[in-house]
């Protein structure tokens, strides 16, 4: 494969050719969940987007050359609040939500990352980085709090391409008398009596959220690496703060070379969020449809653009996959995938254009030979589709039917009797009723067959 990968780098906001720092050691870090509540559809979008990027990088540079790190934040104010609301221990909550998160990833057909570190497993390294920042004059301690002093880092704001005053005006900033400047952000803070804590030079406390990702990315990917990803809501303050503390602690000119951010999911053009009250949890879809339907829906818009979530989108994706499953076959390798097939994905993960390419390959598969069918299935597998066999795919429909198989056969017999008596109005009515219940019938010669639509 010779064609290059191009990605839109949020740092500079332009599309760039992807040139790894070392093509034998490609590193990608993506901000994972804060495990205080079950993941929702908005959380699912980066899971799927960066899973596809992971697959493409491995296809282009070999599996062993690509390292994908996605963290678990298991200590945070939101976790403490949620455990109190649910009246369960923090460890019980984080274990439960982490398990649910893994089940959701599996449901969405996302591969496991190479490493999935937890914040609580790396507290010692966080304390070490804080000590480095203090010794180098970038952080200060007051009243058992440690803050990063933003004005000491001259490149602050370059990722979001804004001046500090503009950034502060549009964000919620913690107000504290302990700070030298309102923009300074916390690296360590004391814990209250009923909160989790670790001993440190500044007393019993816990790390700031931003620090966690800097430490875990350094641990697995070194001081500088290729790709840092996440939702666009993380650009400021989270990713801006990561850059500041990492570059200052590690004394580097860069942190991540490429910053990739996905757009929001909306409902009626409102961002999906807990505060808006329009959350759809991934788990709520599990008994209704295959995770492949959600996966296809999540890539229907370009990853940088907003995606409006609605019933029509889901129905269209369900119908598309129904059609594509008509030529399903199991494949064991990706030997037929060429750069011509890959081209839309290599061009800044253009999944809508790749889906259009899949429709073309499907037409070829329907009218073509075994090789055409293999190619179509490989092209679908590449982005995590057509990974269940036909029986499993059909089982979702069967589980959601409002009509039993005995009733289906009974209604077909009634329809055949109506047709024999030239009562075509009744025959059409029965056909339509079956269709509305998810059943397609087909008349051939003197036989009527049925299938799930």
Protein backbone atom coordinates (compact mmCIF):
# COMPACT_ATOMS: atom_id res chain seq x y z
CA UNK A 1 0.00 0.00 0.00
CA UNK A 2 1.49 3.26 -1.09
CA UNK A 3 -1.06 6.02 -0.54
CA UNK A 4 -0.55 8.26 2.48
CA UNK A 5 -2.90 8.96 5.38
CA UNK A 6 -4.14 12.53 5.79
CA UNK A 7 -5.67 13.79 9.04
CA UNK A 8 -7.04 17.15 10.12
CA UNK A 9 -4.79 18.35 12.92
CA UNK A 10 -6.63 20.53 15.44
CA UNK A 11 -3.25 22.09 16.20
CA UNK A 12 -3.30 24.54 13.29
CA UNK A 13 -6.73 23.32 12.15
CA UNK A 14 -5.58 21.98 8.77
CA UNK A 15 -5.38 18.68 6.97
CA UNK A 16 -1.88 17.24 7.05
CA UNK A 17 -0.09 14.18 5.74
CA UNK A 18 0.44 11.72 8.58
CA UNK A 19 4.17 11.23 9.03
CA UNK A 20 4.89 9.19 12.17
CA UNK A 21 7.78 10.09 14.44
CA UNK A 22 8.94 6.49 14.05
CA UNK A 23 6.92 4.26 11.68
CA UNK A 24 7.95 1.21 13.72
CA UNK A 25 6.62 2.75 16.95
CA UNK A 26 3.39 4.60 16.23
CA UNK A 27 1.61 5.86 19.35
CA UNK A 28 -2.02 6.95 19.75
CA UNK A 29 -3.52 8.13 23.04
CA UNK A 30 -7.28 8.71 23.35
CA UNK A 31 -8.99 10.05 26.46
CA UNK A 32 -11.16 7.29 27.90
CA UNK A 33 -14.18 7.37 30.22
CA UNK A 34 -14.57 8.82 33.68
CA UNK A 35 -16.36 5.87 35.23
CA UNK A 36 -19.13 7.56 37.21
CA UNK A 37 -22.08 6.60 34.98
CA UNK A 38 -22.83 4.26 32.07
CA UNK A 39 -21.65 5.45 28.62
CA UNK A 40 -24.10 7.16 26.28
CA UNK A 41 -24.23 7.52 22.49
CA UNK A 42 -22.15 10.70 22.64
CA UNK A 43 -19.38 8.71 24.34
CA UNK A 44 -19.70 5.99 21.69
CA UNK A 45 -18.67 8.22 18.81
CA UNK A 46 -14.98 8.58 19.73
CA UNK A 47 -14.87 4.87 20.62
CA UNK A 48 -15.86 3.95 17.07
CA UNK A 49 -13.92 6.72 15.28
CA UNK A 50 -10.60 5.95 16.94
CA UNK A 51 -11.21 2.22 16.64
CA UNK A 52 -11.39 2.70 12.86
CA UNK A 53 -8.24 4.85 12.89
CA UNK A 54 -6.49 2.11 14.91
CA UNK A 55 -7.47 -0.47 12.28
CA UNK A 56 -6.22 1.71 9.41
CA UNK A 57 -2.89 2.42 11.12
CA UNK A 58 -2.37 -1.30 11.69
CA UNK A 59 -3.25 -2.09 8.09
CA UNK A 60 -0.80 0.52 6.80
CA UNK A 61 2.06 0.07 9.28
CA UNK A 62 1.64 -3.53 10.63
CA UNK A 63 -0.07 -4.54 13.87
CA UNK A 64 3.10 -4.71 15.94
CA UNK A 65 4.09 -1.14 15.03
CA UNK A 66 0.98 0.54 16.46
CA UNK A 67 0.28 1.15 20.15
CA UNK A 68 -3.17 2.44 21.16
CA UNK A 69 -3.57 3.70 24.73
CA UNK A 70 -6.98 4.60 26.18
CA UNK A 71 -7.18 5.43 29.89
CA UNK A 72 -9.77 4.85 32.58
CA UNK A 73 -10.30 7.79 34.95
CA UNK A 74 -11.33 6.09 38.20
CA UNK A 75 -10.72 8.97 40.62
CA UNK A 76 -12.61 12.22 40.07
CA UNK A 77 -15.09 14.58 41.73
CA UNK A 78 -17.91 13.22 39.52
CA UNK A 79 -17.19 9.69 40.77
CA UNK A 80 -17.30 10.81 44.40
CA UNK A 81 -20.63 12.61 43.84
CA UNK A 82 -22.13 9.66 41.94
CA UNK A 83 -21.14 7.13 44.62
CA UNK A 84 -22.89 9.25 47.25
CA UNK A 85 -26.01 9.61 45.09
CA UNK A 86 -26.13 5.87 44.45
CA UNK A 87 -25.19 5.08 48.06
CA UNK A 88 -22.45 2.62 47.09
CA UNK A 89 -18.70 2.65 47.63
CA UNK A 90 -16.41 4.31 45.10
CA UNK A 91 -14.65 1.01 44.36
CA UNK A 92 -17.97 -0.74 43.77
CA UNK A 93 -19.14 2.06 41.47
CA UNK A 94 -15.95 2.27 39.41
CA UNK A 95 -15.72 -1.51 39.03
CA UNK A 96 -19.34 -1.73 37.87
CA UNK A 97 -19.15 1.17 35.41
CA UNK A 98 -15.79 0.00 34.02
CA UNK A 99 -17.28 -3.44 33.39
CA UNK A 100 -20.33 -1.88 31.71
CA UNK A 101 -18.01 0.25 29.57
CA UNK A 102 -16.13 -2.84 28.41
CA UNK A 103 -19.40 -4.58 27.57
CA UNK A 104 -20.49 -1.54 25.55
CA UNK A 105 -17.18 -1.54 23.65
CA UNK A 106 -17.69 -5.21 22.81
CA UNK A 107 -21.28 -4.53 21.72
CA UNK A 108 -20.02 -1.81 19.36
CA UNK A 109 -17.37 -4.21 17.93
CA UNK A 110 -14.48 -2.05 19.12
CA UNK A 111 -11.11 -3.72 19.47
CA UNK A 112 -9.34 -3.60 22.80
CA UNK A 113 -6.64 -0.93 22.95
CA UNK A 114 -3.04 -2.03 23.42
CA UNK A 115 -3.02 -0.58 26.94
CA UNK A 116 -5.85 0.63 29.18
CA UNK A 117 -4.25 2.14 32.31
CA UNK A 118 -6.27 3.29 35.29
CA UNK A 119 -5.53 6.57 37.01
CA UNK A 120 -5.41 4.96 40.46
CA UNK A 121 -2.64 2.62 39.31
CA UNK A 122 -0.33 5.54 38.47
CA UNK A 123 -0.55 7.94 41.40
CA UNK A 124 3.18 7.63 42.22
CA UNK A 125 4.09 8.78 38.71
CA UNK A 126 1.69 11.72 39.04
CA UNK A 127 3.35 12.84 42.28
CA UNK A 128 6.72 12.57 40.54
CA UNK A 129 5.58 14.81 37.66
CA UNK A 130 4.22 17.38 40.10
CA UNK A 131 7.55 17.46 41.92
CA UNK A 132 9.31 17.99 38.56
CA UNK A 133 7.00 20.88 37.70
CA UNK A 134 7.54 22.54 41.07
CA UNK A 135 11.33 22.18 40.88
CA UNK A 136 11.35 23.71 37.39
CA UNK A 137 9.25 26.71 38.47
CA UNK A 138 6.04 25.82 36.63
CA UNK A 139 3.92 24.87 39.65
CA UNK A 140 3.39 26.06 43.21
CA UNK A 141 1.84 24.77 46.42
CA UNK A 142 -0.52 26.61 48.75
CA UNK A 143 -2.66 25.19 51.55
CA UNK A 144 -2.05 21.58 50.45
CA UNK A 145 -3.11 22.43 46.87
CA UNK A 146 -0.66 22.37 43.96
CA UNK A 147 -1.37 24.45 40.84
CA UNK A 148 0.22 24.78 37.44
CA UNK A 149 1.10 28.44 36.80
CA UNK A 150 -0.22 29.07 33.29
CA UNK A 151 1.66 32.33 32.65
CA UNK A 152 4.96 30.42 32.90
CA UNK A 153 4.11 28.53 29.68
CA UNK A 154 4.27 30.94 26.74
CA UNK A 155 2.49 28.62 24.26
CA UNK A 156 -0.67 28.26 26.35
CA UNK A 157 -3.76 28.56 24.13
CA UNK A 158 -2.13 27.50 20.86
CA UNK A 159 -4.18 24.32 20.49
CA UNK A 160 -7.48 26.19 20.82
CA UNK A 161 -5.94 29.13 18.92
CA UNK A 162 -7.19 31.68 21.44
CA UNK A 163 -5.81 34.18 23.88
CA UNK A 164 -5.99 33.27 27.55
CA UNK A 165 -8.62 35.93 28.34
CA UNK A 166 -10.86 34.58 25.56
CA UNK A 167 -10.48 31.03 26.83
CA UNK A 168 -11.40 31.99 30.36
CA UNK A 169 -14.41 34.01 29.23
CA UNK A 170 -16.02 30.95 27.62
CA UNK A 171 -15.21 28.35 30.26
CA UNK A 172 -16.03 27.44 33.81
CA UNK A 173 -12.92 28.11 35.88
CA UNK A 174 -12.52 27.06 39.49
CA UNK A 175 -12.33 30.13 41.71
CA UNK A 176 -9.91 29.83 44.61
CA UNK A 177 -7.96 32.16 46.88
CA UNK A 178 -5.12 29.65 46.68
CA UNK A 179 -4.42 30.54 43.04
CA UNK A 180 -2.00 33.21 41.83
CA UNK A 181 -4.09 33.57 38.67
CA UNK A 182 -7.68 32.42 37.85
CA UNK A 183 -6.36 30.41 34.89
CA UNK A 184 -4.01 28.28 36.99
CA UNK A 185 -5.24 24.70 37.19
CA UNK A 186 -4.98 22.12 39.92
CA UNK A 187 -2.40 19.32 39.88
CA UNK A 188 -3.10 18.05 43.40
CA UNK A 189 -5.77 18.79 45.97
CA UNK A 190 -6.53 17.65 49.51
CA UNK A 191 -9.22 15.03 50.09
CA UNK A 192 -12.05 15.43 52.54
CA UNK A 193 -12.60 12.95 55.35
CA UNK A 194 -14.92 10.62 53.37
CA UNK A 195 -13.05 10.88 50.04
CA UNK A 196 -10.32 8.65 48.54
CA UNK A 197 -6.78 9.85 49.18
CA UNK A 198 -3.10 9.08 48.67
CA UNK A 199 -0.21 10.35 50.77
CA UNK A 200 1.98 12.99 49.16
CA UNK A 201 4.50 15.71 50.09
CA UNK A 202 1.51 18.09 50.30
CA UNK A 203 -0.63 15.88 52.54
CA UNK A 204 -3.34 13.32 51.86
CA UNK A 205 -5.10 14.10 48.60
CA UNK A 206 -5.68 13.14 44.99
CA UNK A 207 -4.50 14.28 41.54
CA UNK A 208 -6.15 16.73 39.16
CA UNK A 209 -7.88 15.27 36.11
CA UNK A 210 -5.60 16.86 33.50
CA UNK A 211 -2.45 15.46 35.11
CA UNK A 212 -3.64 11.85 34.80
CA UNK A 213 -3.52 11.76 30.99
CA UNK A 214 -0.11 13.44 30.84
CA UNK A 215 1.37 10.80 33.12
CA UNK A 216 -0.27 7.77 31.49
CA UNK A 217 0.57 8.83 27.94
CA UNK A 218 4.20 9.38 28.98
CA UNK A 219 4.35 5.98 30.66
CA UNK A 220 3.29 4.04 27.56
CA UNK A 221 4.18 6.35 24.65
CA UNK A 222 7.14 8.39 25.96
CA UNK A 223 7.47 12.20 26.11
CA UNK A 224 6.37 12.76 22.49
CA UNK A 225 4.07 10.60 20.38
CA UNK A 226 2.04 10.72 17.19
CA UNK A 227 -1.71 11.07 17.80
CA UNK A 228 -3.81 12.37 20.68
CA UNK A 229 -7.57 12.04 20.27
CA UNK A 230 -10.88 12.79 21.94
CA UNK A 231 -14.08 14.77 21.63
CA UNK A 232 -13.83 18.42 20.65
CA UNK A 233 -15.14 19.44 24.08
CA UNK A 234 -11.76 18.32 25.46
CA UNK A 235 -9.72 20.86 23.48
CA UNK A 236 -10.03 23.35 26.33
CA UNK A 237 -9.23 23.07 29.09
CA UNK A 238 -8.22 19.40 29.19
CA UNK A 239 -5.96 19.03 26.17
CA UNK A 240 -4.61 22.56 26.46
CA UNK A 241 -3.59 21.79 30.04
CA UNK A 242 -2.09 18.44 29.09
CA UNK A 243 0.18 20.15 26.58
CA UNK A 244 1.30 22.77 29.11
CA UNK A 245 2.20 20.41 31.95
CA UNK A 246 3.69 17.70 29.70
CA UNK A 247 5.95 20.00 27.72
CA UNK A 248 7.13 21.78 30.84
CA UNK A 249 7.75 18.62 32.85
CA UNK A 250 9.40 16.74 29.96
CA UNK A 251 11.24 19.77 28.51
CA UNK A 252 10.05 19.07 24.95
CA UNK A 253 9.03 21.28 22.03
CA UNK A 254 5.92 19.20 21.40
CA UNK A 255 3.69 16.66 23.11
CA UNK A 256 1.45 14.98 20.54
CA UNK A 257 2.22 15.64 16.88
CA UNK A 258 -1.39 15.32 15.64
CA UNK A 259 -4.50 16.30 17.60
CA UNK A 260 -7.68 14.63 16.33
CA UNK A 261 -11.08 15.71 17.67
CA UNK A 262 -14.54 14.38 16.81
CA UNK A 263 -17.69 16.51 16.69
CA UNK A 264 -20.69 16.25 18.99
CA UNK A 265 -23.79 14.10 18.64
CA UNK A 266 -26.95 16.17 18.74
CA UNK A 267 -30.66 15.52 19.15
CA UNK A 268 -32.83 18.14 17.47
CA UNK A 269 -29.58 20.12 17.04
CA UNK A 270 -28.92 20.18 20.81
CA UNK A 271 -25.68 18.62 22.07
CA UNK A 272 -26.31 15.28 23.76
CA UNK A 273 -25.36 15.75 27.41
CA UNK A 274 -26.57 14.98 30.89
CA UNK A 275 -27.30 18.65 31.56
CA UNK A 276 -29.63 18.77 28.54
CA UNK A 277 -31.53 15.69 29.75
CA UNK A 278 -31.27 14.05 26.31
CA UNK A 279 -28.94 11.17 27.12
CA UNK A 280 -29.36 7.84 25.31
CA UNK A 281 -27.29 5.14 26.98
CA UNK A 282 -25.62 2.53 24.81
CA UNK A 283 -27.04 -0.23 27.00
CA UNK A 284 -30.61 0.78 26.16
CA UNK A 285 -30.13 -0.47 22.58
CA UNK A 286 -28.69 -3.89 23.38
CA UNK A 287 -31.88 -5.93 23.38
CA UNK A 288 -33.32 -4.08 20.41
CA UNK A 289 -30.64 -4.24 17.71
CA UNK A 290 -27.13 -5.26 16.82
CA UNK A 291 -24.33 -2.90 17.84
CA UNK A 292 -23.44 -2.79 14.14
CA UNK A 293 -26.50 -0.62 13.54
CA UNK A 294 -25.23 1.94 16.04
CA UNK A 295 -21.72 1.67 14.63
CA UNK A 296 -22.91 2.42 11.09
CA UNK A 297 -25.06 5.29 12.37
CA UNK A 298 -22.11 6.81 14.25
CA UNK A 299 -20.00 7.04 11.07
CA UNK A 300 -22.74 8.35 8.78
CA UNK A 301 -21.39 11.88 9.14
CA UNK A 302 -17.74 12.91 8.90
CA UNK A 303 -16.16 12.58 12.34
CA UNK A 304 -15.40 16.31 12.58
CA UNK A 305 -19.00 17.31 11.89
CA UNK A 306 -21.98 17.15 14.26
CA UNK A 307 -24.18 14.07 13.88
CA UNK A 308 -27.91 14.42 14.56
CA UNK A 309 -29.29 11.26 16.17
CA UNK A 310 -32.84 10.29 15.20
CA UNK A 311 -35.06 7.29 14.43
CA UNK A 312 -34.75 7.79 10.68
CA UNK A 313 -30.97 7.45 10.89
CA UNK A 314 -31.28 4.18 12.84
CA UNK A 315 -33.95 2.79 10.49
CA UNK A 316 -31.83 3.62 7.42
CA UNK A 317 -28.77 1.90 8.91
CA UNK A 318 -30.84 -1.14 9.88
CA UNK A 319 -32.19 -1.39 6.31
CA UNK A 320 -28.71 -0.95 4.80
CA UNK A 321 -27.26 -3.75 6.91
CA UNK A 322 -30.26 -5.99 6.15
CA UNK A 323 -29.43 -5.54 2.47
CA UNK A 324 -25.71 -6.06 2.92
CA UNK A 325 -26.25 -9.25 4.91
CA UNK A 326 -27.84 -10.82 1.84
CA UNK A 327 -24.27 -11.35 0.54
CA UNK A 328 -22.61 -12.10 3.88
CA UNK A 329 -19.71 -14.51 3.96
CA UNK A 330 -17.08 -15.14 6.61
CA UNK A 331 -13.60 -13.83 5.79
CA UNK A 332 -10.33 -14.60 7.55
CA UNK A 333 -7.98 -12.04 6.00
CA UNK A 334 -7.90 -8.62 4.36
CA UNK A 335 -5.90 -9.58 1.27
CA UNK A 336 -8.22 -7.90 -1.26
CA UNK A 337 -8.21 -4.41 0.31
CA UNK A 338 -6.33 -1.97 -1.94
CA UNK A 339 -5.53 1.71 -1.55
CA UNK A 340 -8.28 2.47 -4.08
CA UNK A 341 -10.80 0.90 -1.69
CA UNK A 342 -9.21 2.58 1.31
CA UNK A 343 -8.89 6.02 -0.28
CA UNK A 344 -11.86 7.70 1.48
CA UNK A 345 -10.61 6.54 4.88
CA UNK A 346 -7.05 7.60 4.14
CA UNK A 347 -8.43 11.06 3.34
CA UNK A 348 -9.15 12.22 6.90
CA UNK A 349 -11.35 9.25 7.83
CA UNK A 350 -14.08 10.19 5.35
CA UNK A 351 -16.54 7.51 6.43
CA UNK A 352 -19.55 8.86 4.45
CA UNK A 353 -17.55 8.46 1.21
CA UNK A 354 -16.40 5.02 2.33
CA UNK A 355 -20.03 4.00 2.96
CA UNK A 356 -20.85 5.15 -0.59
CA UNK A 357 -17.96 2.95 -1.78
CA UNK A 358 -19.45 0.01 0.14
CA UNK A 359 -22.77 0.48 -1.68
CA UNK A 360 -20.88 0.20 -4.98
CA UNK A 361 -19.04 -2.91 -3.80
CA UNK A 362 -22.35 -4.42 -2.68
CA UNK A 363 -23.82 -3.97 -6.17
CA UNK A 364 -20.75 -5.68 -7.61
CA UNK A 365 -21.10 -8.50 -5.07
CA UNK A 366 -24.77 -9.11 -5.91
CA UNK A 367 -24.01 -9.26 -9.63
CA UNK A 368 -20.50 -10.68 -9.44
CA UNK A 369 -18.50 -13.71 -8.42
CA UNK A 370 -17.05 -15.16 -5.22
CA UNK A 371 -14.12 -12.71 -5.29
CA UNK A 372 -16.51 -9.72 -5.43
CA UNK A 373 -18.41 -11.07 -2.42
CA UNK A 374 -15.16 -11.61 -0.52
CA UNK A 375 -13.98 -8.07 -1.30
CA UNK A 376 -17.26 -6.53 -0.14
CA UNK A 377 -17.18 -8.45 3.13
CA UNK A 378 -13.53 -7.57 3.77
CA UNK A 379 -14.27 -3.90 3.13
CA UNK A 380 -17.14 -4.07 5.66
CA UNK A 381 -15.06 -5.98 8.22
CA UNK A 382 -12.37 -3.31 8.02
CA UNK A 383 -14.67 -0.78 9.69
CA UNK A 384 -16.28 -3.28 12.06
CA UNK A 385 -19.34 -4.33 10.04
CA UNK A 386 -20.71 -7.75 8.98
CA UNK A 387 -18.90 -9.36 11.89
CA UNK A 388 -21.87 -11.44 13.09
CA UNK A 389 -23.14 -14.42 11.11
CA UNK A 390 -26.59 -14.32 9.53
CA UNK A 391 -28.23 -16.29 12.33
CA UNK A 392 -27.00 -13.87 14.97
CA UNK A 393 -28.03 -10.90 12.83
CA UNK A 394 -31.54 -12.34 12.39
CA UNK A 395 -31.86 -13.15 16.10
CA UNK A 396 -32.20 -9.45 16.97
CA UNK A 397 -35.23 -9.17 14.72
CA UNK A 398 -36.72 -12.36 16.06
CA UNK A 399 -36.31 -11.10 19.62
CA UNK A 400 -38.18 -7.89 18.78
CA UNK A 401 -41.01 -9.41 16.79
CA UNK A 402 -44.51 -8.60 18.00
CA UNK A 403 -45.80 -11.73 16.27
CA UNK A 404 -44.84 -15.40 16.77
CA UNK A 405 -43.76 -17.79 14.00
CA UNK A 406 -47.01 -19.76 14.44
CA UNK A 407 -49.00 -16.54 13.94
CA UNK A 408 -46.94 -15.70 10.84
CA UNK A 409 -47.69 -19.09 9.28
CA UNK A 410 -51.35 -18.81 10.26
CA UNK A 411 -51.64 -15.37 8.63
CA UNK A 412 -49.88 -16.61 5.47
CA UNK A 413 -52.37 -19.50 5.26
CA UNK A 414 -55.24 -17.04 5.64
CA UNK A 415 -53.73 -14.91 2.88
CA UNK A 416 -53.32 -17.88 0.55
CA UNK A 417 -56.97 -18.80 1.14
CA UNK A 418 -58.00 -15.18 0.39
CA UNK A 419 -55.96 -15.20 -2.84
CA UNK A 420 -57.55 -18.51 -3.89
CA UNK A 421 -60.97 -16.92 -3.37
CA UNK A 422 -59.89 -13.83 -5.37
CA UNK A 423 -60.18 -11.69 -2.23
CA UNK A 424 -57.10 -9.67 -3.12
CA UNK A 425 -58.04 -6.79 -0.84
CA UNK A 426 -57.77 -9.08 2.20
CA UNK A 427 -54.57 -10.67 0.83
CA UNK A 428 -52.95 -7.24 0.49
CA UNK A 429 -54.12 -6.27 3.97
CA UNK A 430 -52.48 -9.36 5.50
CA UNK A 431 -49.26 -8.72 3.56
CA UNK A 432 -49.14 -5.13 4.86
CA UNK A 433 -49.85 -6.24 8.44
CA UNK A 434 -47.00 -8.74 8.29
CA UNK A 435 -44.71 -6.07 6.81
CA UNK A 436 -45.52 -3.69 9.66
CA UNK A 437 -44.55 -6.48 12.06
CA UNK A 438 -41.15 -6.90 10.41
CA UNK A 439 -41.99 -9.77 8.04
CA UNK A 440 -41.47 -9.83 4.27
CA UNK A 441 -43.36 -12.43 2.23
CA UNK A 442 -42.61 -13.60 -1.28
CA UNK A 443 -44.84 -15.56 -3.65
CA UNK A 444 -43.14 -17.92 -6.09
CA UNK A 445 -45.19 -20.35 -8.17
CA UNK A 446 -47.65 -21.82 -5.66
CA UNK A 447 -45.47 -21.29 -2.61
CA UNK A 448 -45.23 -18.36 -0.19
CA UNK A 449 -42.04 -17.87 1.80
CA UNK A 450 -41.26 -15.32 4.51
CA UNK A 451 -38.22 -13.66 6.10
CA UNK A 452 -37.40 -10.89 8.56
CA UNK A 453 -37.20 -7.55 6.81
